[in-house]
């Protein structure tokens, strides 16, 4: 759980910096939800 939390926070921090925002401006729950949805979408995609 702690590893997943740290990975999600790192991704949120990198996204914040990329868009000129403070990492503390990015909330955890929406980021976790976005990543979960993207994993589902990638799992459903057809491999080439």
Protein backbone atom coordinates (compact mmCIF):
# COMPACT_ATOMS: atom_id res chain seq x y z
CA UNK A 1 0.00 0.00 0.00
CA UNK A 2 2.77 2.39 0.89
CA UNK A 3 4.57 1.70 -2.38
CA UNK A 4 1.40 2.38 -4.38
CA UNK A 5 0.80 5.61 -2.43
CA UNK A 6 4.33 6.83 -3.08
CA UNK A 7 4.14 6.02 -6.80
CA UNK A 8 0.84 7.88 -7.14
CA UNK A 9 2.21 10.91 -5.24
CA UNK A 10 5.34 10.92 -7.42
CA UNK A 11 3.26 10.90 -10.61
CA UNK A 12 1.06 13.69 -9.23
CA UNK A 13 4.14 15.73 -8.33
CA UNK A 14 5.64 15.30 -11.78
CA UNK A 15 2.36 16.29 -13.43
CA UNK A 16 2.10 19.36 -11.19
CA UNK A 17 5.60 20.51 -12.09
CA UNK A 18 4.94 19.89 -15.81
CA UNK A 19 1.91 22.20 -15.63
CA UNK A 20 3.56 24.85 -13.45
CA UNK A 21 1.60 24.01 -10.31
CA UNK A 22 2.67 23.19 -6.78
CA UNK A 23 2.68 19.46 -5.98
CA UNK A 24 0.55 20.18 -2.92
CA UNK A 25 -2.18 21.56 -5.24
CA UNK A 26 -2.80 18.10 -6.69
CA UNK A 27 -5.21 15.95 -4.69
CA UNK A 28 -4.54 12.26 -4.17
CA UNK A 29 -7.96 10.74 -4.79
CA UNK A 30 -8.54 12.13 -8.32
CA UNK A 31 -5.03 11.09 -9.34
CA UNK A 32 -5.51 7.57 -7.97
CA UNK A 33 -8.83 7.31 -9.82
CA UNK A 34 -7.30 8.54 -13.09
CA UNK A 35 -4.45 6.02 -12.86
CA UNK A 36 -6.89 3.18 -12.07
CA UNK A 37 -9.02 4.05 -15.09
CA UNK A 38 -5.96 4.22 -17.35
CA UNK A 39 -4.83 0.78 -16.17
CA UNK A 40 -8.25 -0.64 -17.04
CA UNK A 41 -8.18 1.01 -20.47
CA UNK A 42 -4.68 -0.30 -21.18
CA UNK A 43 -5.68 -3.81 -20.10
CA UNK A 44 -8.62 -3.76 -22.52
CA UNK A 45 -6.56 -2.50 -25.46
CA UNK A 46 -5.62 -4.91 -28.23
CA UNK A 47 -1.93 -5.72 -28.34
CA UNK A 48 -0.27 -5.04 -31.65
